[in-house]
């Protein structure tokens, strides 16, 4: 090759090399600028999330029931640490101060490998002494940052725990369902109760603090911050002082108490025992600890929304069917000898010596099982289920709390479908006294007795409204009527008068309170072990303002333990009702 061709080839090669270099430079500087700019910033800055304070929860009088408190947390940025040896030294130093084993921190780092620039929470709720120790040694611990964040605080601990719920880190399953609603990994979310149902209002919008990091991974200065937006505040229908009263009366028992305004469905108090302290969830709980707690009386279960046989409290539904359908005359006398013979079965009355002769209304006053065995037979499953459903049984009430069950209102078709068996007369007499296949929830029974009290049925609710921190209303619960009493006005008056006699001189006399006349019904529900005890009433009799549902598992006698609880509520309400001008008419 001559010199001229060599020169031409050399120039061509130089030109190609120049084009390649220029193209690569164009790619880096123009086409991929944003990508490399981001990487560069990530190498020099780190972002620590600033969690938004959740909204405050108040009772109906503006008293704080749930708030927030600030805690110190320590985070670790593994990407700011040069090598494994350095990482081990840092973890060992942190471990000595905060008491978390290095292996546990290393496990968190391994689980976070797909997100290398995200901070890892090492420990929450540090003491001032621990924070001071960390700050004193921070120069020798690259990648370690201390932050302040809000956590949920329940000042009354166990009080209304099943109504309020608690807050915890979002699970993978929850994230899959809620990602489109703006939820992200490691977000906190309401797990039960109000915290869960109204989480979208309470949660707020998180902010962040951007820190500049030096070559050793140590924070140098704050280069930017996005302020969090606090969540909206929630005002409950709950009266804090009344809630304290019902909780006190449930101490040492398993059961539930509900106090509801039948005129609009507002829940003035709802207690379930055993209970738990939601503050324990401020830090992640070990699964075994959770299971251990749940075994000890199932404190996370809201018994107000769970199912039980209603026992004799269902007799008001049986009587409603009888009055409306005229399946038994009012003046017809039925003899109670203390037992009822049906084929080979001897069905007993709760009063072994019997009640003697009495009509169906007096049968309710004395809660005579023999009377309601016979009414159960005459009405049968068709009428009993018709009126049970007419009062709202067999379906959820729609209360704004998670976990509500629907119960069972049995029919002949239901038994055939579920048990592959036919309905027999024994099923009907059980049905007549609220036993057998029938199961209900306390909140459903609150609706039944509220419907009898006012003639109308409303959706029960525990929230009045939701407001932003600036006071702007973002949600208001409007009373929603869902049904009416399934009997005539004349029969409803007769039923209410009879229920008044139950408390005035019958099985519910233990709940009689001077100047606060109530109408109600006792109930003893048979089940394995000791019977469950119920007492339900509404008051004042002439113009009902409250319905009380008192239930104690294995309490045995509804005319005692549960009636005593209702009596204390009636006394309190007489002295502390919102409407002090209410004129109570004696009945």
Protein backbone atom coordinates (compact mmCIF):
# COMPACT_ATOMS: atom_id res chain seq x y z
CA UNK A 1 0.00 0.00 0.00
CA UNK A 2 1.47 3.37 -1.00
CA UNK A 3 1.78 6.30 1.36
CA UNK A 4 -1.26 8.12 -0.08
CA UNK A 5 -3.59 5.17 0.54
CA UNK A 6 -2.19 4.71 4.05
CA UNK A 7 -2.93 8.34 4.81
CA UNK A 8 -6.48 8.03 3.45
CA UNK A 9 -7.12 4.89 5.56
CA UNK A 10 -5.74 6.57 8.70
CA UNK A 11 -7.94 9.62 8.19
CA UNK A 12 -10.97 7.36 7.64
CA UNK A 13 -10.27 5.44 10.86
CA UNK A 14 -9.88 8.69 12.77
CA UNK A 15 -13.15 9.91 11.34
CA UNK A 16 -14.96 6.68 12.36
CA UNK A 17 -13.48 6.84 15.87
CA UNK A 18 -14.57 10.47 16.15
CA UNK A 19 -18.11 9.62 15.02
CA UNK A 20 -18.31 6.75 17.56
CA UNK A 21 -17.02 8.94 20.40
CA UNK A 22 -19.30 11.81 19.42
CA UNK A 23 -22.29 9.46 19.22
CA UNK A 24 -21.53 8.02 22.64
CA UNK A 25 -21.10 11.52 24.05
CA UNK A 26 -24.44 12.52 22.53
CA UNK A 27 -26.08 9.45 24.07
CA UNK A 28 -24.65 10.17 27.54
CA UNK A 29 -25.12 13.94 27.53
CA UNK A 30 -28.45 14.20 25.75
CA UNK A 31 -30.36 10.94 25.39
CA UNK A 32 -29.54 9.49 28.83
CA UNK A 33 -29.01 12.74 30.71
CA UNK A 34 -32.00 12.37 33.03
CA UNK A 35 -31.13 8.80 33.93
CA UNK A 36 -27.51 9.54 34.84
CA UNK A 37 -28.48 12.78 36.53
CA UNK A 38 -30.78 10.79 38.82
CA UNK A 39 -28.06 8.24 39.58
CA UNK A 40 -25.64 11.05 40.34
CA UNK A 41 -28.07 12.64 42.75
CA UNK A 42 -28.76 9.29 44.40
CA UNK A 43 -25.03 8.87 44.97
CA UNK A 44 -24.84 12.22 46.75
CA UNK A 45 -28.29 12.51 48.39
CA UNK A 46 -30.55 10.28 50.42
CA UNK A 47 -34.25 10.76 51.15
CA UNK A 48 -35.73 9.93 54.53
CA UNK A 49 -39.53 9.75 54.51
CA UNK A 50 -41.41 12.11 56.79
CA UNK A 51 -44.63 10.36 57.72
CA UNK A 52 -47.81 12.39 57.78
CA UNK A 53 -49.52 12.58 61.18
CA UNK A 54 -52.80 10.69 61.06
CA UNK A 55 -55.99 12.59 61.79
CA UNK A 56 -57.12 13.00 65.38
CA UNK A 57 -60.18 11.02 66.54
CA UNK A 58 -62.60 12.82 68.87
CA UNK A 59 -65.70 11.74 70.76
CA UNK A 60 -69.04 13.46 70.14
CA UNK A 61 -68.13 16.24 72.61
CA UNK A 62 -64.72 17.03 71.12
CA UNK A 63 -62.63 15.01 73.59
CA UNK A 64 -59.52 13.44 72.07
CA UNK A 65 -59.72 9.62 71.97
CA UNK A 66 -56.87 8.93 69.53
CA UNK A 67 -53.88 11.19 68.82
CA UNK A 68 -50.23 10.97 67.73
CA UNK A 69 -46.92 11.21 69.54
CA UNK A 70 -43.45 11.87 68.16
CA UNK A 71 -40.81 9.15 68.42
CA UNK A 72 -37.16 8.90 67.39
CA UNK A 73 -36.20 6.28 64.83
CA UNK A 74 -32.83 5.12 63.51
CA UNK A 75 -32.41 4.33 59.81
CA UNK A 76 -29.60 2.68 57.86
CA UNK A 77 -28.47 3.42 54.28
CA UNK A 78 -26.47 0.30 53.24
CA UNK A 79 -25.56 1.88 49.87
CA UNK A 80 -23.56 4.53 51.74
CA UNK A 81 -21.20 1.91 53.20
CA UNK A 82 -18.15 1.01 51.11
CA UNK A 83 -17.74 -2.72 51.73
CA UNK A 84 -18.87 -5.71 53.77
CA UNK A 85 -16.20 -5.28 56.44
CA UNK A 86 -17.25 -1.68 57.00
CA UNK A 87 -20.92 -2.77 57.06
CA UNK A 88 -20.20 -5.37 59.77
CA UNK A 89 -18.45 -2.74 61.89
CA UNK A 90 -21.40 -0.35 61.55
CA UNK A 91 -23.95 -3.04 62.39
CA UNK A 92 -21.94 -4.12 65.43
CA UNK A 93 -21.74 -0.53 66.69
CA UNK A 94 -25.45 0.09 66.15
CA UNK A 95 -26.30 -3.24 67.79
CA UNK A 96 -24.43 -2.32 70.98
CA UNK A 97 -26.44 0.89 71.29
CA UNK A 98 -29.97 -0.11 70.24
CA UNK A 99 -29.92 -3.80 71.20
CA UNK A 100 -30.88 -5.20 67.78
CA UNK A 101 -28.74 -8.24 66.76
CA UNK A 102 -26.53 -7.59 63.69
CA UNK A 103 -27.99 -10.69 62.01
CA UNK A 104 -31.48 -9.24 62.20
CA UNK A 105 -30.33 -5.99 60.57
CA UNK A 106 -28.45 -7.94 57.90
CA UNK A 107 -31.64 -9.88 57.13
CA UNK A 108 -33.50 -6.60 56.56
CA UNK A 109 -30.71 -5.44 54.25
CA UNK A 110 -30.93 -8.67 52.22
CA UNK A 111 -34.71 -8.30 51.92
CA UNK A 112 -34.20 -4.73 50.65
CA UNK A 113 -31.61 -5.49 47.93
CA UNK A 114 -34.00 -4.62 45.12
CA UNK A 115 -34.28 -1.08 46.57
CA UNK A 116 -30.65 -0.20 47.40
CA UNK A 117 -31.22 3.54 47.91
CA UNK A 118 -34.16 3.18 50.31
CA UNK A 119 -33.49 3.63 54.03
CA UNK A 120 -33.99 0.64 56.30
CA UNK A 121 -35.76 1.19 59.60
CA UNK A 122 -33.60 -0.35 62.32
CA UNK A 123 -35.59 0.55 65.43
CA UNK A 124 -38.48 2.76 66.49
CA UNK A 125 -39.29 4.64 69.67
CA UNK A 126 -35.74 5.28 70.85
CA UNK A 127 -35.11 6.77 74.26
CA UNK A 128 -33.33 10.13 74.52
CA UNK A 129 -30.37 8.30 76.03
CA UNK A 130 -30.13 5.99 73.00
CA UNK A 131 -30.47 8.90 70.58
CA UNK A 132 -27.64 10.75 72.38
CA UNK A 133 -25.40 7.67 72.21
CA UNK A 134 -26.03 7.30 68.48
CA UNK A 135 -25.31 10.97 67.77
CA UNK A 136 -22.06 10.83 69.76
CA UNK A 137 -20.80 7.94 67.60
CA UNK A 138 -22.32 9.01 64.29
CA UNK A 139 -18.92 10.08 62.90
CA UNK A 140 -17.82 6.41 62.99
CA UNK A 141 -21.07 5.00 61.64
CA UNK A 142 -21.58 5.99 57.98
CA UNK A 143 -25.09 5.44 56.63
CA UNK A 144 -26.77 5.78 60.03
CA UNK A 145 -29.41 8.53 60.31
CA UNK A 146 -31.79 9.47 63.13
CA UNK A 147 -35.25 10.73 62.29
CA UNK A 148 -38.38 11.84 64.17
CA UNK A 149 -41.76 10.49 63.13
CA UNK A 150 -45.32 10.39 64.49
CA UNK A 151 -46.93 7.16 65.75
CA UNK A 152 -50.49 6.47 66.83
CA UNK A 153 -51.25 7.07 70.48
CA UNK A 154 -54.31 5.75 72.32
CA UNK A 155 -54.40 7.62 75.66
CA UNK A 156 -57.21 5.45 77.09
CA UNK A 157 -55.47 2.18 76.12
CA UNK A 158 -58.08 -0.64 76.04
CA UNK A 159 -61.06 1.73 75.88
CA UNK A 160 -63.20 1.08 72.77
CA UNK A 161 -60.27 -0.77 71.19
CA UNK A 162 -62.44 -2.84 68.81
CA UNK A 163 -64.23 0.32 67.66
CA UNK A 164 -61.04 2.34 67.14
CA UNK A 165 -58.78 -0.40 65.75
CA UNK A 166 -55.04 0.05 65.30
CA UNK A 167 -52.40 0.94 62.71
CA UNK A 168 -49.72 -1.29 61.18
CA UNK A 169 -47.47 -1.68 58.14
CA UNK A 170 -49.29 -2.60 54.96
CA UNK A 171 -49.06 -6.27 53.95
CA UNK A 172 -48.34 -7.55 50.44
CA UNK A 173 -51.94 -8.71 50.14
CA UNK A 174 -53.29 -5.31 51.17
CA UNK A 175 -50.87 -3.55 48.81
CA UNK A 176 -52.06 -5.65 45.85
CA UNK A 177 -55.61 -4.51 46.54
CA UNK A 178 -54.87 -0.86 47.34
CA UNK A 179 -51.92 0.10 45.13
CA UNK A 180 -54.20 1.94 42.70
CA UNK A 181 -55.49 4.06 45.59
CA UNK A 182 -52.02 5.50 46.21
CA UNK A 183 -50.71 3.06 48.82
CA UNK A 184 -47.05 2.04 48.71
CA UNK A 185 -44.77 -0.54 50.28
CA UNK A 186 -44.03 0.16 53.96
CA UNK A 187 -47.00 2.53 54.29
CA UNK A 188 -48.91 2.43 57.54
CA UNK A 189 -52.57 1.52 57.25
CA UNK A 190 -55.54 1.12 59.56
CA UNK A 191 -55.99 -2.53 60.40
CA UNK A 192 -59.28 -2.69 62.30
CA UNK A 193 -62.15 -0.48 63.42
CA UNK A 194 -62.36 3.20 62.53
CA UNK A 195 -58.67 3.25 61.67
CA UNK A 196 -59.46 0.79 58.87
CA UNK A 197 -62.86 1.99 57.62
CA UNK A 198 -61.86 5.65 57.46
CA UNK A 199 -58.16 5.15 56.63
CA UNK A 200 -58.36 7.14 53.39
CA UNK A 201 -59.34 10.22 55.42
CA UNK A 202 -57.07 9.64 58.41
CA UNK A 203 -53.81 8.75 56.66
CA UNK A 204 -52.68 12.10 55.19
CA UNK A 205 -49.87 12.52 52.61
CA UNK A 206 -46.26 11.69 53.52
CA UNK A 207 -43.42 14.12 52.95
CA UNK A 208 -39.64 13.61 52.92
CA UNK A 209 -36.29 15.04 53.96
CA UNK A 210 -33.48 15.02 51.38
CA UNK A 211 -29.98 14.81 52.85
CA UNK A 212 -26.65 15.44 51.13
CA UNK A 213 -24.21 12.60 51.82
CA UNK A 214 -20.39 12.92 51.76
CA UNK A 215 -18.00 10.33 50.30
CA UNK A 216 -18.02 8.45 53.61
CA UNK A 217 -21.81 8.13 53.59
CA UNK A 218 -22.33 10.63 56.39
CA UNK A 219 -25.13 13.22 56.16
CA UNK A 220 -23.74 16.71 55.57
CA UNK A 221 -26.81 18.94 55.26
CA UNK A 222 -30.48 19.01 54.36
CA UNK A 223 -30.87 20.05 50.72
CA UNK A 224 -34.64 19.86 50.44
CA UNK A 225 -37.81 18.89 52.25
CA UNK A 226 -41.42 18.20 51.39
CA UNK A 227 -43.74 18.87 54.29
CA UNK A 228 -46.25 16.10 55.05
CA UNK A 229 -49.97 16.85 54.89
CA UNK A 230 -51.75 15.73 58.09
CA UNK A 231 -54.77 13.45 57.79
CA UNK A 232 -58.31 14.64 58.39
CA UNK A 233 -59.88 14.52 61.85
CA UNK A 234 -62.79 12.23 62.69
CA UNK A 235 -65.61 13.00 65.12
CA UNK A 236 -67.33 9.94 66.56
CA UNK A 237 -70.87 9.37 67.79
CA UNK A 238 -69.30 7.80 70.91
CA UNK A 239 -69.69 9.56 74.26
CA UNK A 240 -66.35 9.04 76.05
CA UNK A 241 -67.79 9.13 79.56
CA UNK A 242 -70.60 6.68 78.71
CA UNK A 243 -68.02 4.44 77.04
CA UNK A 244 -65.98 4.45 80.24
CA UNK A 245 -69.07 3.41 82.19
CA UNK A 246 -69.96 0.43 80.00
CA UNK A 247 -66.33 -0.70 79.88
CA UNK A 248 -66.15 -0.60 83.68
CA UNK A 249 -69.31 -2.71 83.97
CA UNK A 250 -67.89 -5.31 81.56
CA UNK A 251 -64.62 -5.73 83.48
CA UNK A 252 -63.85 -9.37 84.19
CA UNK A 253 -66.55 -10.59 81.78
CA UNK A 254 -66.70 -11.74 78.17
CA UNK A 255 -69.37 -9.95 76.24
CA UNK A 256 -70.53 -6.74 74.62
CA UNK A 257 -72.60 -3.66 75.42
CA UNK A 258 -74.12 -1.33 72.85
CA UNK A 259 -75.91 1.96 73.53
CA UNK A 260 -77.58 3.38 70.41
CA UNK A 261 -79.84 6.30 69.60
CA UNK A 262 -82.78 4.63 67.78
CA UNK A 263 -83.79 7.95 66.19
CA UNK A 264 -80.78 8.07 63.88
CA UNK A 265 -78.57 4.99 64.43
CA UNK A 266 -75.80 6.81 66.30
CA UNK A 267 -73.76 4.50 68.53
CA UNK A 268 -73.23 6.27 71.86
CA UNK A 269 -71.12 3.45 73.30
CA UNK A 270 -69.86 0.07 72.10
CA UNK A 271 -67.69 -2.14 74.26
CA UNK A 272 -66.36 -5.65 73.72
CA UNK A 273 -64.45 -7.65 76.34
CA UNK A 274 -61.81 -8.97 76.67
CA UNK A 275 -60.08 -6.03 75.05
CA UNK A 276 -56.51 -5.02 74.15
CA UNK A 277 -54.26 -1.97 74.14
CA UNK A 278 -53.76 -0.69 70.54
CA UNK A 279 -50.55 1.06 71.66
CA UNK A 280 -48.77 -2.31 71.48
CA UNK A 281 -48.83 -1.99 67.68
CA UNK A 282 -46.67 1.16 67.70
CA UNK A 283 -43.80 -1.29 67.02
CA UNK A 284 -44.03 -4.40 64.81
CA UNK A 285 -45.39 -7.37 66.77
CA UNK A 286 -44.00 -10.86 66.54
CA UNK A 287 -46.49 -13.28 64.98
CA UNK A 288 -46.19 -15.70 67.90
CA UNK A 289 -46.96 -12.91 70.36
CA UNK A 290 -50.04 -11.97 68.33
CA UNK A 291 -51.27 -15.58 68.33
CA UNK A 292 -50.63 -15.90 72.07
CA UNK A 293 -52.72 -12.78 72.77
CA UNK A 294 -55.52 -13.93 70.50
CA UNK A 295 -55.75 -17.29 72.28
CA UNK A 296 -56.29 -15.55 75.61
CA UNK A 297 -59.96 -14.66 75.23
CA UNK A 298 -59.87 -13.44 71.59
CA UNK A 299 -59.50 -9.74 72.48
CA UNK A 300 -59.32 -8.66 68.82
CA UNK A 301 -62.85 -9.99 68.20
CA UNK A 302 -65.58 -7.35 68.29
CA UNK A 303 -68.29 -9.31 70.07
CA UNK A 304 -70.85 -6.61 69.23
CA UNK A 305 -70.62 -7.73 65.60
CA UNK A 306 -70.29 -11.48 66.24
CA UNK A 307 -73.01 -14.14 66.25
CA UNK A 308 -74.83 -15.81 69.14
CA UNK A 309 -78.24 -17.40 69.77
CA UNK A 310 -80.62 -14.64 70.98
CA UNK A 311 -82.61 -16.78 73.41
CA UNK A 312 -85.74 -15.21 74.86
CA UNK A 313 -84.93 -11.74 73.49
CA UNK A 314 -86.28 -13.15 70.19
CA UNK A 315 -89.70 -13.66 71.76
CA UNK A 316 -90.64 -10.09 70.77
CA UNK A 317 -90.32 -11.18 67.11
CA UNK A 318 -92.41 -14.30 67.73
CA UNK A 319 -95.04 -12.16 69.49
CA UNK A 320 -94.97 -9.64 66.61
CA UNK A 321 -95.82 -12.41 64.14
CA UNK A 322 -98.60 -13.69 66.43
CA UNK A 323 -100.20 -10.25 66.88
CA UNK A 324 -100.02 -9.31 63.21
CA UNK A 325 -101.11 -12.68 61.79
CA UNK A 326 -103.61 -13.34 64.63
CA UNK A 327 -102.43 -16.90 65.07
CA UNK A 328 -103.45 -16.78 68.74
CA UNK A 329 -106.18 -14.80 70.52
CA UNK A 330 -105.16 -12.24 73.13
CA UNK A 331 -107.58 -13.64 75.69
CA UNK A 332 -106.65 -17.29 75.09
CA UNK A 333 -105.17 -18.78 78.26
CA UNK A 334 -102.22 -21.15 77.97
CA UNK A 335 -101.27 -23.35 80.90
CA UNK A 336 -97.60 -23.65 81.89
CA UNK A 337 -96.84 -26.65 84.10
CA UNK A 338 -93.09 -26.12 83.79
CA UNK A 339 -92.78 -28.41 80.77
CA UNK A 340 -94.26 -29.07 77.32
CA UNK A 341 -94.65 -32.52 75.78
CA UNK A 342 -93.94 -32.85 72.05
CA UNK A 343 -93.88 -36.47 70.98
CA UNK A 344 -91.15 -38.16 72.98
CA UNK A 345 -89.59 -34.82 73.93
CA UNK A 346 -90.18 -33.01 77.21
CA UNK A 347 -89.33 -29.34 76.63
CA UNK A 348 -88.84 -27.44 79.88
CA UNK A 349 -89.73 -23.91 80.93
CA UNK A 350 -87.10 -21.89 82.77
CA UNK A 351 -89.45 -21.87 85.77
CA UNK A 352 -89.53 -25.50 86.87
CA UNK A 353 -92.76 -25.12 88.91
CA UNK A 354 -94.55 -23.49 85.97
CA UNK A 355 -96.36 -20.14 85.53
CA UNK A 356 -99.89 -21.48 85.67
CA UNK A 357 -102.42 -20.07 83.22
CA UNK A 358 -101.53 -16.89 81.31
CA UNK A 359 -102.20 -15.21 77.97
CA UNK A 360 -99.59 -14.46 75.31
CA UNK A 361 -98.89 -10.91 76.54
CA UNK A 362 -98.32 -12.05 80.10
CA UNK A 363 -96.26 -14.86 78.59
CA UNK A 364 -93.80 -12.19 77.37
CA UNK A 365 -93.83 -10.35 80.71
CA UNK A 366 -92.90 -13.56 82.55
CA UNK A 367 -90.84 -14.91 79.61
CA UNK A 368 -92.75 -18.20 79.73
CA UNK A 369 -91.11 -20.71 77.41
CA UNK A 370 -94.26 -22.89 77.24
CA UNK A 371 -96.25 -20.00 75.71
CA UNK A 372 -93.61 -19.34 73.08
CA UNK A 373 -93.07 -23.03 72.30
CA UNK A 374 -96.71 -23.15 71.27
CA UNK A 375 -96.56 -19.85 69.37
CA UNK A 376 -93.47 -21.15 67.57
CA UNK A 377 -95.44 -24.21 66.48
CA UNK A 378 -98.43 -22.15 65.31
CA UNK A 379 -96.35 -19.58 63.42
CA UNK A 380 -93.87 -22.09 62.02
CA UNK A 381 -90.62 -21.34 60.21
CA UNK A 382 -92.33 -19.43 57.41
CA UNK A 383 -93.87 -16.69 59.58
CA UNK A 384 -91.00 -16.60 62.09
CA UNK A 385 -88.44 -16.06 59.32
CA UNK A 386 -90.71 -13.49 57.61
CA UNK A 387 -90.88 -11.30 60.72
CA UNK A 388 -87.26 -11.91 61.71
CA UNK A 389 -86.21 -10.59 58.31
CA UNK A 390 -88.80 -7.82 58.61
CA UNK A 391 -86.84 -6.60 61.65
CA UNK A 392 -83.55 -6.81 59.74
CA UNK A 393 -82.19 -10.12 61.06
CA UNK A 394 -80.24 -12.38 58.72
CA UNK A 395 -78.40 -9.51 57.02
CA UNK A 396 -75.65 -7.07 57.96
CA UNK A 397 -76.79 -3.75 59.39
CA UNK A 398 -74.19 -1.83 57.36
CA UNK A 399 -72.45 -0.34 60.39
CA UNK A 400 -69.26 1.53 59.43
CA UNK A 401 -66.96 -1.01 61.10
CA UNK A 402 -65.21 -4.02 59.54
CA UNK A 403 -65.93 -7.61 60.53
CA UNK A 404 -69.72 -7.53 60.87
CA UNK A 405 -71.38 -10.94 60.45
CA UNK A 406 -74.86 -11.51 58.99
CA UNK A 407 -76.19 -14.26 61.26
CA UNK A 408 -78.74 -16.90 60.20
CA UNK A 409 -82.52 -16.75 59.90
CA UNK A 410 -83.44 -20.38 59.21
CA UNK A 411 -86.23 -21.61 56.96
CA UNK A 412 -87.34 -25.07 55.82
CA UNK A 413 -85.43 -24.56 52.57
CA UNK A 414 -82.34 -23.42 54.48
CA UNK A 415 -82.27 -26.56 56.65
CA UNK A 416 -82.75 -28.79 53.62
CA UNK A 417 -79.91 -27.03 51.79
CA UNK A 418 -77.47 -26.89 54.70
CA UNK A 419 -78.28 -30.05 56.68
CA UNK A 420 -79.88 -32.13 53.94
CA UNK A 421 -82.78 -32.75 56.32
CA UNK A 422 -86.44 -31.79 56.71
CA UNK A 423 -87.89 -29.31 59.19
CA UNK A 424 -89.58 -30.90 62.22
CA UNK A 425 -91.85 -29.57 64.96
CA UNK A 426 -88.99 -29.63 67.43
CA UNK A 427 -87.21 -27.08 65.26
CA UNK A 428 -90.24 -24.77 65.48
CA UNK A 429 -90.48 -24.79 69.27
CA UNK A 430 -86.74 -24.07 69.48
CA UNK A 431 -87.20 -21.24 66.98
CA UNK A 432 -90.06 -19.81 69.05
CA UNK A 433 -87.76 -19.11 72.02
CA UNK A 434 -84.75 -17.92 69.97
CA UNK A 435 -82.80 -21.17 70.03
CA UNK A 436 -81.97 -23.86 67.48
CA UNK A 437 -80.52 -22.70 64.17
CA UNK A 438 -81.20 -18.98 64.71
CA UNK A 439 -78.12 -16.82 65.33
CA UNK A 440 -77.88 -13.04 65.54
CA UNK A 441 -75.42 -10.28 66.39
CA UNK A 442 -75.80 -7.76 69.22
CA UNK A 443 -75.79 -4.91 66.68
CA UNK A 444 -78.66 -6.58 64.80
CA UNK A 445 -80.64 -6.85 68.04
CA UNK A 446 -79.96 -3.16 68.68
CA UNK A 447 -81.72 -2.55 65.38
CA UNK A 448 -84.62 -4.85 66.28
CA UNK A 449 -85.27 -3.08 69.58
CA UNK A 450 -84.64 0.33 68.01
CA UNK A 451 -87.26 -0.46 65.38
CA UNK A 452 -89.77 -1.43 68.07
CA UNK A 453 -88.95 1.76 69.98
CA UNK A 454 -89.46 4.23 67.14
CA UNK A 455 -91.13 2.30 64.34
CA UNK A 456 -88.15 2.96 62.05
CA UNK A 457 -84.82 1.23 61.44
CA UNK A 458 -81.60 3.12 60.67
CA UNK A 459 -78.09 2.14 59.64
CA UNK A 460 -76.01 2.12 62.85
CA UNK A 461 -72.87 4.25 62.66
CA UNK A 462 -69.96 5.35 64.86
CA UNK A 463 -68.77 8.39 62.86
CA UNK A 464 -70.50 11.76 62.76
CA UNK A 465 -68.22 13.61 60.36
CA UNK A 466 -64.69 14.05 59.01
CA UNK A 467 -62.98 17.43 58.78
CA UNK A 468 -59.62 18.59 57.42
CA UNK A 469 -57.16 20.27 59.77
CA UNK A 470 -58.43 23.59 58.39
CA UNK A 471 -61.95 22.71 59.53
CA UNK A 472 -63.40 21.94 56.09
CA UNK A 473 -66.00 19.17 56.13
CA UNK A 474 -64.94 16.32 53.85
CA UNK A 475 -67.50 13.72 54.97
CA UNK A 476 -70.71 13.69 57.01
CA UNK A 477 -72.72 10.62 57.93
CA UNK A 478 -76.36 11.27 57.16
CA UNK A 479 -78.92 9.07 58.99
CA UNK A 480 -80.15 6.41 56.58
CA UNK A 481 -83.54 4.77 57.15
CA UNK A 482 -83.52 1.14 55.99
CA UNK A 483 -86.86 -0.19 57.16
CA UNK A 484 -89.86 0.10 59.42
CA UNK A 485 -91.62 -2.03 62.00
CA UNK A 486 -93.37 -4.95 60.21
CA UNK A 487 -96.57 -4.72 62.28
CA UNK A 488 -99.46 -2.26 62.54
CA UNK A 489 -99.35 0.83 64.74
CA UNK A 490 -101.96 -0.73 67.06
CA UNK A 491 -99.94 -3.92 67.47
CA UNK A 492 -96.69 -1.97 67.89
CA UNK A 493 -98.24 0.00 70.76
CA UNK A 494 -99.44 -3.23 72.35
CA UNK A 495 -95.97 -4.79 72.01
CA UNK A 496 -94.29 -1.74 73.53
CA UNK A 497 -96.76 -1.65 76.44
CA UNK A 498 -96.07 -5.33 77.15
CA UNK A 499 -92.31 -4.76 77.03
CA UNK A 500 -92.74 -1.92 79.52
CA UNK A 501 -94.39 -4.38 81.91
CA UNK A 502 -91.39 -6.72 81.53
CA UNK A 503 -89.20 -4.08 83.22
CA UNK A 504 -91.86 -2.65 85.52
CA UNK A 505 -92.92 -5.94 87.14
CA UNK A 506 -91.63 -8.88 85.09
CA UNK A 507 -88.32 -10.63 84.46
CA UNK A 508 -86.55 -7.32 83.71
CA UNK A 509 -87.41 -5.58 86.97
CA UNK A 510 -83.72 -5.38 87.93
CA UNK A 511 -83.34 -2.66 85.28
CA UNK A 512 -86.12 -0.44 86.61
CA UNK A 513 -84.80 3.08 87.30
CA UNK A 514 -86.84 5.87 88.87
CA UNK A 515 -87.72 8.65 86.41
CA UNK A 516 -86.13 6.68 83.54
CA UNK A 517 -88.79 4.09 82.60
CA UNK A 518 -87.59 1.44 80.17
CA UNK A 519 -89.26 -1.26 78.07
CA UNK A 520 -87.28 -4.38 77.31
CA UNK A 521 -86.70 -8.11 77.47
CA UNK A 522 -84.41 -10.52 79.25
CA UNK A 523 -82.80 -13.49 77.53
CA UNK A 524 -81.00 -16.67 78.54
CA UNK A 525 -79.52 -18.44 75.51
CA UNK A 526 -78.58 -22.10 75.87
CA UNK A 527 -75.27 -23.20 74.36
CA UNK A 528 -72.45 -25.62 75.28
CA UNK A 529 -71.42 -24.79 78.84
CA UNK A 530 -73.19 -22.13 80.88
CA UNK A 531 -75.96 -20.16 79.16
CA UNK A 532 -75.35 -16.71 77.65
CA UNK A 533 -77.15 -13.79 79.30
CA UNK A 534 -78.93 -10.99 77.41
CA UNK A 535 -80.86 -7.90 78.37
CA UNK A 536 -82.25 -5.41 75.86
CA UNK A 537 -84.31 -2.30 76.40
CA UNK A 538 -85.19 1.17 75.15
CA UNK A 539 -85.84 4.33 77.20
CA UNK A 540 -87.46 6.63 78.11
CA UNK A 541 -90.49 4.49 77.40
CA UNK A 542 -92.79 7.27 76.15
CA UNK A 543 -90.21 8.90 73.87
CA UNK A 544 -87.22 6.57 73.31
CA UNK A 545 -83.77 8.14 73.02
CA UNK A 546 -81.54 5.13 73.69
CA UNK A 547 -81.47 1.40 73.07
CA UNK A 548 -79.26 -0.74 75.32
CA UNK A 549 -78.00 -4.18 74.35
CA UNK A 550 -76.20 -5.96 77.17
CA UNK A 551 -74.67 -9.38 76.52
CA UNK A 552 -72.40 -11.58 78.67
CA UNK A 553 -71.05 -14.91 77.47
CA UNK A 554 -71.90 -17.67 79.98
CA UNK A 555 -73.57 -15.07 82.21
CA UNK A 556 -76.42 -17.56 82.78
CA UNK A 557 -79.25 -15.22 83.77
CA UNK A 558 -80.38 -12.23 81.72
CA UNK A 559 -82.46 -10.91 84.62
CA UNK A 560 -79.30 -10.42 86.66
CA UNK A 561 -75.84 -9.61 85.31
CA UNK A 562 -76.92 -8.03 82.01
CA UNK A 563 -79.95 -6.27 83.49
CA UNK A 564 -77.67 -4.76 86.15
CA UNK A 565 -75.38 -3.38 83.44
CA UNK A 566 -78.36 -1.83 81.62
CA UNK A 567 -79.57 -0.30 84.90
CA UNK A 568 -76.23 1.47 85.37
CA UNK A 569 -76.46 2.85 81.82
CA UNK A 570 -80.01 4.07 82.42
CA UNK A 571 -78.94 5.81 85.63
CA UNK A 572 -76.04 7.49 83.86
CA UNK A 573 -78.16 8.58 80.92
CA UNK A 574 -80.82 10.07 83.19
CA UNK A 575 -78.17 12.32 84.77
CA UNK A 576 -75.95 13.00 81.76
CA UNK A 577 -78.03 12.91 78.59
CA UNK A 578 -77.18 15.49 75.89
CA UNK A 579 -80.74 16.81 76.00
CA UNK A 580 -81.09 17.93 79.61
CA UNK A 581 -84.47 19.55 78.80
CA UNK A 582 -86.04 16.19 77.94
CA UNK A 583 -89.15 15.67 80.02
CA UNK A 584 -89.23 12.07 81.18
CA UNK A 585 -92.80 10.77 81.44
CA UNK A 586 -93.22 8.00 83.97
CA UNK A 587 -94.68 4.79 82.61
